[in-house]
Amino acid sequence: MDAFELTPGTPIVLYLHTPKEKVWGLLVSLSPAGVILHGLDLVTFDEWMRQEARGDERLIDLCTIFYPMSRLERLERDDALGTLPSYAERFEREVGRSVFDVLGVRERGERASAPRRRGASDRPGRPH
């Protein structure tokens, strides 16, 4: 078993309370005050993944947000569980690109060149 490494850029799942939420994203920082991640609520993960797979305009995207430690119930590294793939692995299988590539981030948090954002002007027949 690998050590429980939580460095910036590590895909994680947060379980929060009051209100109860599950959030997936890439760790930005972890401190006694709380967790900062670039992510989204797990309720929207599948739709975000389908949006990226279809190449649709980005209506759903990730945001960078701070969660205070007082709300944190559990933090997990986004790992595969037996035969169940991790969220990041599911994303790559469905979209054909890694979450790191789509978000313009190299593994372990290094910024790559910014990803090209799709918008209304990227549709065929529209002037740029």
C-alpha atoms as a PDB file:
ATOM      1  CA  MET A   1       0.000   0.000   0.000  1.00  0.00           C
ATOM      2  CA  ASP A   2       1.233   3.501  -0.883  1.00  0.00           C
ATOM      3  CA  ALA A   3       1.792   6.092   1.804  1.00  0.00           C
ATOM      4  CA  PHE A   4      -1.112   8.482   2.271  1.00  0.00           C
ATOM      5  CA  GLU A   5       0.502  11.287   0.325  1.00  0.00           C
ATOM      6  CA  LEU A   6      -1.490  14.498   0.061  1.00  0.00           C
ATOM      7  CA  THR A   7       0.501  16.938  -2.011  1.00  0.00           C
ATOM      8  CA  PRO A   8      -0.960  19.788  -4.072  1.00  0.00           C
ATOM      9  CA  GLY A   9      -2.570  18.396  -7.216  1.00  0.00           C
ATOM     10  CA  THR A  10      -3.633  15.106  -5.612  1.00  0.00           C
ATOM     11  CA  PRO A  11      -7.194  14.141  -6.587  1.00  0.00           C
ATOM     12  CA  ILE A  12      -9.281  13.901  -3.386  1.00  0.00           C
ATOM     13  CA  VAL A  13     -12.844  13.378  -2.183  1.00  0.00           C
ATOM     14  CA  LEU A  14     -14.123  15.442   0.741  1.00  0.00           C
ATOM     15  CA  TYR A  15     -17.060  14.348   2.897  1.00  0.00           C
ATOM     16  CA  LEU A  16     -18.535  17.413   4.587  1.00  0.00           C
ATOM     17  CA  HIS A  17     -21.290  17.991   7.114  1.00  0.00           C
ATOM     18  CA  THR A  18     -23.638  20.851   7.960  1.00  0.00           C
ATOM     19  CA  PRO A  19     -24.761  20.770   5.202  1.00  0.00           C
ATOM     20  CA  LYS A  20     -23.877  17.260   4.059  1.00  0.00           C
ATOM     21  CA  GLU A  21     -21.874  17.345   0.814  1.00  0.00           C
ATOM     22  CA  LYS A  22     -19.404  15.232  -1.131  1.00  0.00           C
ATOM     23  CA  VAL A  23     -16.854  17.138  -3.177  1.00  0.00           C
ATOM     24  CA  TRP A  24     -14.257  15.886  -5.684  1.00  0.00           C
ATOM     25  CA  GLY A  25     -11.256  17.877  -6.836  1.00  0.00           C
ATOM     26  CA  LEU A  26      -7.536  18.509  -6.904  1.00  0.00           C
ATOM     27  CA  LEU A  27      -5.976  19.483  -3.597  1.00  0.00           C
ATOM     28  CA  VAL A  28      -4.593  23.010  -3.523  1.00  0.00           C
ATOM     29  CA  SER A  29      -3.597  23.103   0.157  1.00  0.00           C
ATOM     30  CA  LEU A  30      -4.272  21.438   3.486  1.00  0.00           C
ATOM     31  CA  SER A  31      -3.778  23.240   6.796  1.00  0.00           C
ATOM     32  CA  PRO A  32      -5.125  23.111  10.365  1.00  0.00           C
ATOM     33  CA  ALA A  33      -7.639  25.794   9.282  1.00  0.00           C
ATOM     34  CA  GLY A  34      -9.072  23.744   6.427  1.00  0.00           C
ATOM     35  CA  VAL A  35      -8.802  22.446   2.882  1.00  0.00           C
ATOM     36  CA  ILE A  36      -8.579  24.373  -0.368  1.00  0.00           C
ATOM     37  CA  LEU A  37      -9.379  22.419  -3.494  1.00  0.00           C
ATOM     38  CA  HIS A  38     -10.147  23.032  -7.139  1.00  0.00           C
ATOM     39  CA  GLY A  39     -13.240  20.917  -7.597  1.00  0.00           C
ATOM     40  CA  LEU A  40     -16.968  20.429  -7.772  1.00  0.00           C
ATOM     41  CA  ASP A  41     -19.822  18.736  -5.935  1.00  0.00           C
ATOM     42  CA  LEU A  42     -20.010  15.016  -6.737  1.00  0.00           C
ATOM     43  CA  VAL A  43     -23.660  15.490  -7.725  1.00  0.00           C
ATOM     44  CA  THR A  44     -22.405  17.295 -10.864  1.00  0.00           C
ATOM     45  CA  PHE A  45     -19.311  15.164 -11.586  1.00  0.00           C
ATOM     46  CA  ASP A  46     -20.967  12.833 -14.129  1.00  0.00           C
ATOM     47  CA  GLU A  47     -22.562  15.710 -16.035  1.00  0.00           C
ATOM     48  CA  TRP A  48     -19.217  17.571 -16.093  1.00  0.00           C
ATOM     49  CA  MET A  49     -17.563  14.411 -17.421  1.00  0.00           C
ATOM     50  CA  ARG A  50     -20.206  13.986 -20.171  1.00  0.00           C
ATOM     51  CA  GLN A  51     -19.901  17.666 -21.086  1.00  0.00           C
ATOM     52  CA  GLU A  52     -16.135  17.284 -21.549  1.00  0.00           C
ATOM     53  CA  ALA A  53     -16.543  14.007 -23.481  1.00  0.00           C
ATOM     54  CA  ARG A  54     -18.989  15.669 -25.917  1.00  0.00           C
ATOM     55  CA  GLY A  55     -16.826  18.777 -26.254  1.00  0.00           C
ATOM     56  CA  ASP A  56     -19.745  20.995 -25.248  1.00  0.00           C
ATOM     57  CA  GLU A  57     -19.498  24.580 -24.116  1.00  0.00           C
ATOM     58  CA  ARG A  58     -18.391  24.674 -20.462  1.00  0.00           C
ATOM     59  CA  LEU A  59     -21.559  25.246 -18.496  1.00  0.00           C
ATOM     60  CA  ILE A  60     -20.215  23.190 -15.572  1.00  0.00           C
ATOM     61  CA  ASP A  61     -16.670  23.795 -14.420  1.00  0.00           C
ATOM     62  CA  LEU A  62     -14.525  23.476 -11.336  1.00  0.00           C
ATOM     63  CA  CYS A  63     -13.959  26.281  -8.843  1.00  0.00           C
ATOM     64  CA  THR A  64     -11.356  26.824  -6.162  1.00  0.00           C
ATOM     65  CA  ILE A  65     -12.924  26.875  -2.724  1.00  0.00           C
ATOM     66  CA  PHE A  66     -11.954  26.749   0.958  1.00  0.00           C
ATOM     67  CA  TYR A  67     -13.683  24.349   3.357  1.00  0.00           C
ATOM     68  CA  PRO A  68     -13.027  24.940   7.071  1.00  0.00           C
ATOM     69  CA  MET A  69     -11.781  21.948   9.062  1.00  0.00           C
ATOM     70  CA  SER A  70     -14.907  22.187  11.260  1.00  0.00           C
ATOM     71  CA  ARG A  71     -16.991  20.978   8.269  1.00  0.00           C
ATOM     72  CA  LEU A  72     -14.668  18.132   7.319  1.00  0.00           C
ATOM     73  CA  GLU A  73     -15.988  14.683   8.186  1.00  0.00           C
ATOM     74  CA  ARG A  74     -13.566  12.693   6.052  1.00  0.00           C
ATOM     75  CA  LEU A  75     -10.930  13.257   3.360  1.00  0.00           C
ATOM     76  CA  GLU A  76      -9.940  10.466   0.956  1.00  0.00           C
ATOM     77  CA  ARG A  77      -7.386  10.296  -1.773  1.00  0.00           C
ATOM     78  CA  ASP A  78      -9.244   9.530  -5.029  1.00  0.00           C
ATOM     79  CA  ASP A  79      -7.987   5.970  -5.409  1.00  0.00           C
ATOM     80  CA  ALA A  80      -9.457   2.943  -7.144  1.00  0.00           C
ATOM     81  CA  LEU A  81     -11.179   0.556  -4.741  1.00  0.00           C
ATOM     82  CA  GLY A  82     -10.644  -3.018  -5.910  1.00  0.00           C
ATOM     83  CA  THR A  83     -12.205  -3.190  -9.357  1.00  0.00           C
ATOM     84  CA  LEU A  84     -13.950   0.191  -8.975  1.00  0.00           C
ATOM     85  CA  PRO A  85     -11.978   2.933 -10.744  1.00  0.00           C
ATOM     86  CA  SER A  86     -11.247   6.275  -9.116  1.00  0.00           C
ATOM     87  CA  TYR A  87     -13.178   9.332 -10.303  1.00  0.00           C
ATOM     88  CA  ALA A  88     -10.060  10.518 -12.156  1.00  0.00           C
ATOM     89  CA  GLU A  89      -9.746   7.115 -13.880  1.00  0.00           C
ATOM     90  CA  ARG A  90     -13.447   7.148 -14.830  1.00  0.00           C
ATOM     91  CA  PHE A  91     -13.005  10.635 -16.272  1.00  0.00           C
ATOM     92  CA  GLU A  92     -10.020   9.600 -18.386  1.00  0.00           C
ATOM     93  CA  ARG A  93     -11.803   6.480 -19.657  1.00  0.00           C
ATOM     94  CA  GLU A  94     -14.942   8.440 -20.646  1.00  0.00           C
ATOM     95  CA  VAL A  95     -13.322  11.627 -21.963  1.00  0.00           C
ATOM     96  CA  GLY A  96     -10.106  10.219 -23.436  1.00  0.00           C
ATOM     97  CA  ARG A  97      -7.991  12.823 -21.619  1.00  0.00           C
ATOM     98  CA  SER A  98      -6.864  13.039 -18.026  1.00  0.00           C
ATOM     99  CA  VAL A  99      -8.383  15.556 -15.605  1.00  0.00           C
ATOM    100  CA  PHE A 100      -4.909  17.094 -15.376  1.00  0.00           C
ATOM    101  CA  ASP A 101      -4.842  17.642 -19.148  1.00  0.00           C
ATOM    102  CA  VAL A 102      -8.372  19.081 -19.262  1.00  0.00           C
ATOM    103  CA  LEU A 103      -7.665  21.438 -16.348  1.00  0.00           C
ATOM    104  CA  GLY A 104      -4.259  22.492 -17.671  1.00  0.00           C
ATOM    105  CA  VAL A 105      -2.476  21.089 -14.620  1.00  0.00           C
ATOM    106  CA  ARG A 106       0.418  18.664 -14.529  1.00  0.00           C
ATOM    107  CA  GLU A 107       0.205  15.916 -11.961  1.00  0.00           C
ATOM    108  CA  ARG A 108       1.138  17.070  -8.449  1.00  0.00           C
ATOM    109  CA  GLY A 109      -0.148  20.588  -8.966  1.00  0.00           C
ATOM    110  CA  GLU A 110       2.257  22.178 -11.443  1.00  0.00           C
ATOM    111  CA  ARG A 111       0.444  24.521 -13.845  1.00  0.00           C
ATOM    112  CA  ALA A 112       0.743  23.614 -17.488  1.00  0.00           C
ATOM    113  CA  SER A 113      -0.209  25.996 -20.239  1.00  0.00           C
ATOM    114  CA  ALA A 114      -3.779  27.155 -19.731  1.00  0.00           C
ATOM    115  CA  PRO A 115      -6.359  24.879 -21.328  1.00  0.00           C
ATOM    116  CA  ARG A 116      -8.220  26.343 -24.245  1.00  0.00           C
ATOM    117  CA  ARG A 117     -11.670  27.300 -23.026  1.00  0.00           C
ATOM    118  CA  ARG A 118     -14.578  26.445 -25.273  1.00  0.00           C
ATOM    119  CA  GLY A 119     -17.238  29.062 -25.632  1.00  0.00           C
ATOM    120  CA  ALA A 120     -19.976  30.248 -27.928  1.00  0.00           C
ATOM    121  CA  SER A 121     -17.440  31.674 -30.372  1.00  0.00           C
ATOM    122  CA  ASP A 122     -15.935  28.190 -30.868  1.00  0.00           C
ATOM    123  CA  ARG A 123     -19.089  26.893 -32.528  1.00  0.00           C
ATOM    124  CA  PRO A 124     -18.970  26.391 -36.311  1.00  0.00           C
ATOM    125  CA  GLY A 125     -20.276  29.327 -38.320  1.00  0.00           C
ATOM    126  CA  ARG A 126     -19.575  31.892 -35.608  1.00  0.00           C
ATOM    127  CA  PRO A 127     -17.005  34.642 -36.113  1.00  0.00           C
ATOM    128  CA  HIS A 128     -13.994  34.567 -33.773  1.00  0.00           C
END
